[in-house]
Amino acid sequence: MRLAADHVKVSVPATAGNLGPGFDALGMALGVADQIEVRALASSEVDIDIAGEGADTLPRDESHLVVQALRAALDQVGASQTGLHIRAVNRIPHGRGLGSSAAAVVAGIVAARALIAEPEALSAEDALRLATAFEGHPDNAAPAIYGGATVAWKDADGAHARPLTVADQIETAVLIPRSTLPTREARAVLPPKVPHVDAAFNVGRAALLVNALAGRPEDLFAATEDRLHQIYRADVMAPAMAMLRTLRDRGLAAVISGAGPSVLVLGTDLAEAGLSSGPLAWAEGVGGETWRSVHTVDRVPGASAQRL
């Protein structure tokens, strides 16, 4: 497989995994995205410029997730490796349960697809399986690739996903705190086993959520109840749980976004509920935090790429 382009631009959205009861299965794309430009170089050099999130902390060598994923994708289709110049404008907050690592992995894979002569050799399902090999679970990678809301699962053949129907009136608002929480810490507090009654509870709520998203917003509050992960993470994300309780006490369908500590709200007329994009004055001090919102009304598309 040869390269057919040497300069591509990729956009990948933030994502919220779980959506409450759909642990490691349900996810949704959100209205903020990273933009990555990749140039193929006739050398072995790797040069990375980073603006925005992670500018002071992310690596600028072969260990960067975009580089690792891009190289894995090129290897998968038998394309030659190349030197790289990468310009990343990172707008997805890091360490806040918004799929920043999945976005980086998907960006690398989609960039590779745009560089090669036969992009169809890296289908959306190929991209999902490769991204899941990096991430370990597909709930963030799936909406990053397909856009909108998705349900994803794994079997002996790897990861799979299907888009979900989301009614036009359903909006999202993700409330983002200043503090961060590494995903590994959030996963470390989960028990190896859960009671059967709690598993059955979540199965019912996840099924109800799929139906509610398709056009029954009045069921979103009940559909976003969870017993598998949020309660176990309460001690490591006290501010997020305080915000979660505040929102649900107001009757809003709020959940922890992914591994947290951001909080996602699903519903209608969210601007009228005080969740417009920007700093949230009413939320100042909830959980000892400062909060800002990203409010999304329309369906968010998945990752895209263009040759430059």
Protein backbone atom coordinates (compact mmCIF):
# COMPACT_ATOMS: atom_id res chain seq x y z
CA MET A 1 0.00 0.00 0.00
CA ARG A 2 1.46 3.36 -1.00
CA LEU A 3 0.81 6.81 0.37
CA ALA A 4 -1.25 9.03 -1.92
CA ALA A 5 -1.11 12.25 0.14
CA ASP A 6 1.49 13.94 2.28
CA HIS A 7 -0.61 16.53 4.14
CA VAL A 8 -3.97 15.85 5.81
CA LYS A 9 -6.17 17.53 8.40
CA VAL A 10 -8.31 15.58 10.86
CA SER A 11 -11.09 16.61 13.24
CA VAL A 12 -12.24 14.30 16.06
CA PRO A 13 -15.00 15.08 18.60
CA ALA A 14 -15.01 14.68 22.34
CA THR A 15 -17.17 11.83 23.59
CA ALA A 16 -19.03 10.78 26.71
CA GLY A 17 -18.92 7.07 27.51
CA ASN A 18 -21.40 5.00 29.50
CA LEU A 19 -24.28 7.56 29.46
CA GLY A 20 -25.09 6.32 32.94
CA PRO A 21 -26.28 2.71 32.79
CA GLY A 22 -24.57 1.67 29.53
CA PHE A 23 -21.21 0.89 31.10
CA ASP A 24 -18.47 0.42 28.46
CA ALA A 25 -21.18 0.11 25.77
CA LEU A 26 -23.06 3.37 25.17
CA GLY A 27 -21.44 6.62 24.09
CA MET A 28 -22.16 9.96 22.46
CA ALA A 29 -20.15 12.54 20.52
CA LEU A 30 -20.05 16.04 22.05
CA GLY A 31 -19.71 19.51 20.56
CA VAL A 32 -15.99 20.13 21.05
CA ALA A 33 -13.24 18.69 18.85
CA ASP A 34 -9.49 18.37 18.40
CA GLN A 35 -7.92 19.33 15.06
CA ILE A 36 -4.76 17.56 13.91
CA GLU A 37 -2.65 18.29 10.84
CA VAL A 38 -0.23 15.61 9.68
CA ARG A 39 2.55 15.99 7.12
CA ALA A 40 4.46 12.97 5.86
CA LEU A 41 8.19 13.65 5.71
CA ALA A 42 10.90 12.02 3.60
CA SER A 43 12.88 11.21 6.73
CA SER A 44 12.54 9.40 10.05
CA GLU A 45 11.95 12.65 11.94
CA VAL A 46 8.98 13.12 14.27
CA ASP A 47 8.16 16.75 15.00
CA ILE A 48 5.05 17.64 17.03
CA ASP A 49 3.58 21.06 17.80
CA ILE A 50 0.81 21.16 20.39
CA ALA A 51 -1.51 24.03 21.21
CA GLY A 52 -4.24 23.99 23.83
CA GLU A 53 -4.86 21.06 26.16
CA GLY A 54 -1.73 19.11 27.05
CA ALA A 55 0.64 21.64 25.52
CA ASP A 56 2.84 21.50 28.63
CA THR A 57 2.57 17.80 29.40
CA LEU A 58 2.13 15.66 26.28
CA PRO A 59 5.15 13.94 24.68
CA ARG A 60 6.51 15.16 21.38
CA ASP A 61 8.05 11.92 20.13
CA GLU A 62 7.06 8.41 19.03
CA SER A 63 5.22 7.84 22.32
CA HIS A 64 2.49 10.38 21.44
CA LEU A 65 -0.82 8.54 20.99
CA VAL A 66 -1.50 10.08 17.58
CA VAL A 67 1.86 8.83 16.31
CA GLN A 68 1.41 5.36 17.82
CA ALA A 69 -2.07 4.96 16.33
CA LEU A 70 -1.06 6.33 12.94
CA ARG A 71 1.87 3.92 12.72
CA ALA A 72 -0.28 0.97 13.82
CA ALA A 73 -2.82 1.82 11.13
CA LEU A 74 -0.13 2.09 8.43
CA ASP A 75 1.27 -1.27 9.53
CA GLN A 76 -2.18 -2.85 9.38
CA VAL A 77 -2.59 -2.00 5.69
CA GLY A 78 1.04 -2.66 4.78
CA ALA A 79 1.89 0.98 4.04
CA SER A 80 5.40 2.33 4.44
CA GLN A 81 6.26 4.26 7.56
CA THR A 82 7.36 7.86 7.18
CA GLY A 83 8.64 10.82 9.12
CA LEU A 84 5.90 13.00 10.57
CA HIS A 85 5.21 16.61 11.34
CA ILE A 86 2.10 16.94 13.48
CA ARG A 87 0.31 20.10 14.48
CA ALA A 88 -2.31 19.44 17.16
CA VAL A 89 -4.86 21.97 18.35
CA ASN A 90 -6.35 20.23 21.38
CA ARG A 91 -9.69 21.55 22.59
CA ILE A 92 -10.95 18.42 24.36
CA PRO A 93 -10.19 18.74 28.09
CA HIS A 94 -7.86 16.05 29.39
CA GLY A 95 -8.52 13.86 32.40
CA ARG A 96 -12.17 14.80 32.63
CA GLY A 97 -14.05 11.85 31.13
CA LEU A 98 -14.44 13.37 27.66
CA GLY A 99 -12.57 10.80 25.59
CA SER A 100 -9.39 12.77 24.94
CA SER A 101 -7.24 9.65 24.61
CA ALA A 102 -9.77 7.96 22.32
CA ALA A 103 -9.80 11.13 20.20
CA ALA A 104 -6.01 11.03 19.86
CA VAL A 105 -6.06 7.37 18.85
CA VAL A 106 -8.88 7.88 16.35
CA ALA A 107 -7.12 10.96 14.95
CA GLY A 108 -4.02 8.91 14.18
CA ILE A 109 -6.02 6.13 12.52
CA VAL A 110 -8.15 8.52 10.45
CA ALA A 111 -5.04 10.46 9.43
CA ALA A 112 -3.48 7.21 8.18
CA ARG A 113 -6.66 6.44 6.24
CA ALA A 114 -6.47 9.84 4.55
CA LEU A 115 -2.78 9.40 3.68
CA ILE A 116 -3.02 6.02 1.96
CA ALA A 117 -3.98 5.42 -1.67
CA GLU A 118 -6.90 3.13 -0.80
CA PRO A 119 -8.74 4.59 2.22
CA GLU A 120 -11.32 1.81 2.03
CA ALA A 121 -8.62 -0.53 3.34
CA LEU A 122 -9.24 1.10 6.74
CA SER A 123 -13.01 0.91 7.13
CA ALA A 124 -14.87 2.41 10.07
CA GLU A 125 -15.06 -1.04 11.65
CA ASP A 126 -11.32 -1.56 11.10
CA ALA A 127 -10.71 1.80 12.75
CA LEU A 128 -12.91 0.85 15.71
CA ARG A 129 -11.15 -2.46 16.26
CA LEU A 130 -7.74 -0.84 16.09
CA ALA A 131 -8.78 1.99 18.42
CA THR A 132 -10.26 -0.50 20.89
CA ALA A 133 -6.94 -2.37 20.96
CA PHE A 134 -5.44 0.87 22.29
CA GLU A 135 -8.32 1.86 24.57
CA GLY A 136 -9.41 -1.52 25.91
CA HIS A 137 -13.10 -0.72 25.49
CA PRO A 138 -15.04 0.78 22.55
CA ASP A 139 -17.58 3.14 24.16
CA ASN A 140 -15.59 6.31 23.45
CA ALA A 141 -13.94 5.27 20.20
CA ALA A 142 -17.27 4.33 18.59
CA PRO A 143 -18.95 7.77 18.75
CA ALA A 144 -15.61 9.43 17.93
CA ILE A 145 -15.63 7.48 14.66
CA TYR A 146 -19.35 7.27 13.81
CA GLY A 147 -20.64 10.45 15.48
CA GLY A 148 -23.97 10.82 17.27
CA ALA A 149 -24.79 8.15 19.84
CA THR A 150 -23.61 4.56 19.52
CA VAL A 151 -23.80 1.17 21.15
CA ALA A 152 -20.61 -0.87 20.98
CA TRP A 153 -19.60 -4.37 22.00
CA LYS A 154 -16.75 -6.85 21.67
CA ASP A 155 -16.69 -10.49 20.62
CA ALA A 156 -14.12 -12.95 19.31
CA ASP A 157 -13.79 -10.89 16.12
CA GLY A 158 -13.04 -7.66 17.99
CA ALA A 159 -15.10 -4.52 18.52
CA HIS A 160 -18.32 -3.61 16.73
CA ALA A 161 -20.67 -0.62 16.92
CA ARG A 162 -24.02 0.56 15.64
CA PRO A 163 -25.38 4.11 15.51
CA LEU A 164 -28.39 4.83 17.72
CA THR A 165 -31.37 6.93 16.77
CA VAL A 166 -31.48 10.20 18.70
CA ALA A 167 -34.53 12.43 18.36
CA ASP A 168 -33.89 15.96 17.12
CA GLN A 169 -35.22 17.58 20.29
CA ILE A 170 -32.71 15.85 22.58
CA GLU A 171 -29.71 18.00 23.54
CA THR A 172 -26.63 17.51 25.67
CA ALA A 173 -24.74 19.71 28.08
CA VAL A 174 -21.49 18.57 29.63
CA LEU A 175 -20.42 20.36 32.80
CA ILE A 176 -16.63 20.46 33.11
CA PRO A 177 -14.81 21.15 36.39
CA ARG A 178 -11.31 22.50 36.86
CA SER A 179 -10.07 19.31 38.53
CA THR A 180 -9.02 16.17 36.69
CA LEU A 181 -9.23 12.46 37.42
CA PRO A 182 -7.08 9.92 35.54
CA THR A 183 -9.21 7.13 34.09
CA ARG A 184 -6.98 4.49 35.69
CA GLU A 185 -7.85 5.87 39.14
CA ALA A 186 -11.56 5.87 38.38
CA ARG A 187 -11.41 2.27 37.16
CA ALA A 188 -9.27 1.11 40.06
CA VAL A 189 -12.10 1.64 42.56
CA LEU A 190 -14.60 -0.54 40.68
CA PRO A 191 -15.32 -3.91 42.31
CA PRO A 192 -14.54 -7.13 40.40
CA LYS A 193 -18.13 -8.33 40.95
CA VAL A 194 -21.51 -6.65 41.40
CA PRO A 195 -24.79 -7.99 42.78
CA HIS A 196 -27.05 -9.69 40.25
CA VAL A 197 -29.90 -7.35 41.17
CA ASP A 198 -27.75 -4.33 40.25
CA ALA A 199 -26.72 -5.87 36.93
CA ALA A 200 -30.39 -6.54 36.13
CA PHE A 201 -31.26 -2.96 37.12
CA ASN A 202 -28.70 -1.55 34.67
CA VAL A 203 -29.78 -3.82 31.82
CA GLY A 204 -33.29 -2.45 32.14
CA ARG A 205 -32.17 1.16 32.39
CA ALA A 206 -29.80 0.86 29.41
CA ALA A 207 -32.58 -0.58 27.26
CA LEU A 208 -34.92 2.18 28.41
CA LEU A 209 -32.26 4.78 27.57
CA VAL A 210 -32.00 3.60 23.97
CA ASN A 211 -35.77 3.99 23.65
CA ALA A 212 -35.77 7.37 25.40
CA LEU A 213 -33.07 8.77 23.11
CA ALA A 214 -35.14 7.77 20.09
CA GLY A 215 -37.96 10.11 21.06
CA ARG A 216 -39.19 9.65 24.62
CA PRO A 217 -37.32 12.41 26.51
CA GLU A 218 -39.78 12.11 29.41
CA ASP A 219 -38.09 8.78 30.21
CA LEU A 220 -34.52 10.11 30.25
CA PHE A 221 -34.43 10.73 33.99
CA ALA A 222 -35.33 7.15 34.91
CA ALA A 223 -33.27 5.79 32.02
CA THR A 224 -30.05 7.40 33.28
CA GLU A 225 -30.04 5.73 36.70
CA ASP A 226 -26.98 3.55 37.35
CA ARG A 227 -25.80 1.04 39.95
CA LEU A 228 -22.64 -0.35 38.30
CA HIS A 229 -20.02 2.38 38.48
CA GLN A 230 -21.05 5.84 39.70
CA ILE A 231 -21.68 4.90 43.32
CA TYR A 232 -18.34 3.11 43.57
CA ARG A 233 -16.49 6.16 42.25
CA ALA A 234 -18.10 8.64 44.63
CA ASP A 235 -15.11 8.89 46.97
CA VAL A 236 -12.63 9.72 44.18
CA MET A 237 -14.86 12.34 42.52
CA ALA A 238 -16.74 14.08 45.30
CA PRO A 239 -17.26 17.35 43.34
CA ALA A 240 -18.76 15.46 40.40
CA MET A 241 -21.13 13.56 42.66
CA ALA A 242 -22.18 16.82 44.30
CA MET A 243 -23.00 18.26 40.87
CA LEU A 244 -24.74 15.05 39.86
CA ARG A 245 -27.01 15.24 42.91
CA THR A 246 -27.66 18.95 42.35
CA LEU A 247 -28.79 18.38 38.78
CA ARG A 248 -30.86 15.28 39.49
CA ASP A 249 -32.55 17.04 42.41
CA ARG A 250 -33.73 19.53 39.76
CA GLY A 251 -35.17 16.67 37.70
CA LEU A 252 -32.42 16.73 35.06
CA ALA A 253 -31.11 13.50 33.54
CA ALA A 254 -27.50 13.85 34.68
CA VAL A 255 -24.78 11.19 34.63
CA ILE A 256 -21.03 11.06 35.13
CA SER A 257 -19.39 11.50 31.72
CA GLY A 258 -17.24 8.44 31.15
CA ALA A 259 -14.86 7.99 34.08
CA GLY A 260 -15.50 11.59 35.20
CA PRO A 261 -15.25 14.06 36.72
CA SER A 262 -17.32 15.90 34.09
CA VAL A 263 -21.10 15.56 34.31
CA LEU A 264 -23.32 15.03 31.27
CA VAL A 265 -26.96 16.11 31.04
CA LEU A 266 -29.35 14.68 28.45
CA GLY A 267 -32.62 16.47 27.84
CA THR A 268 -34.56 19.18 26.04
CA ASP A 269 -34.43 22.97 26.30
CA LEU A 270 -31.20 22.82 28.30
CA ALA A 271 -30.37 26.49 27.75
CA GLU A 272 -33.57 27.36 29.61
CA ALA A 273 -32.33 25.12 32.43
CA GLY A 274 -29.22 27.30 32.78
CA LEU A 275 -26.86 25.01 30.88
CA SER A 276 -25.83 27.23 27.95
CA SER A 277 -22.18 27.00 26.87
CA GLY A 278 -19.74 28.94 29.00
CA PRO A 279 -19.01 29.52 32.69
CA LEU A 280 -21.91 28.64 34.98
CA ALA A 281 -22.31 31.31 37.64
CA TRP A 282 -25.08 29.40 39.41
CA ALA A 283 -22.77 26.38 39.76
CA GLU A 284 -19.90 28.26 41.39
CA GLY A 285 -18.86 26.36 44.49
CA VAL A 286 -20.89 23.20 43.87
CA GLY A 287 -18.61 20.50 45.21
CA GLY A 288 -16.01 23.19 45.85
CA GLU A 289 -15.53 23.58 42.10
CA THR A 290 -15.84 26.06 39.26
CA TRP A 291 -17.87 24.67 36.35
CA ARG A 292 -18.32 25.48 32.69
CA SER A 293 -20.71 23.98 30.17
CA VAL A 294 -20.52 22.81 26.58
CA HIS A 295 -24.10 22.77 25.28
CA THR A 296 -24.76 20.81 22.07
CA VAL A 297 -28.04 20.95 20.20
CA ASP A 298 -27.40 19.21 16.87
CA ARG A 299 -26.00 15.76 16.16
CA VAL A 300 -22.20 15.82 16.27
CA PRO A 301 -20.48 14.13 13.31
CA GLY A 302 -17.71 11.61 13.79
CA ALA A 303 -14.08 11.99 12.82
CA SER A 304 -13.40 13.55 9.43
CA ALA A 305 -10.29 14.08 7.32
CA GLN A 306 -9.32 16.07 4.29
CA ARG A 307 -6.27 16.05 2.09
CA LEU A 308 -4.56 19.44 1.89
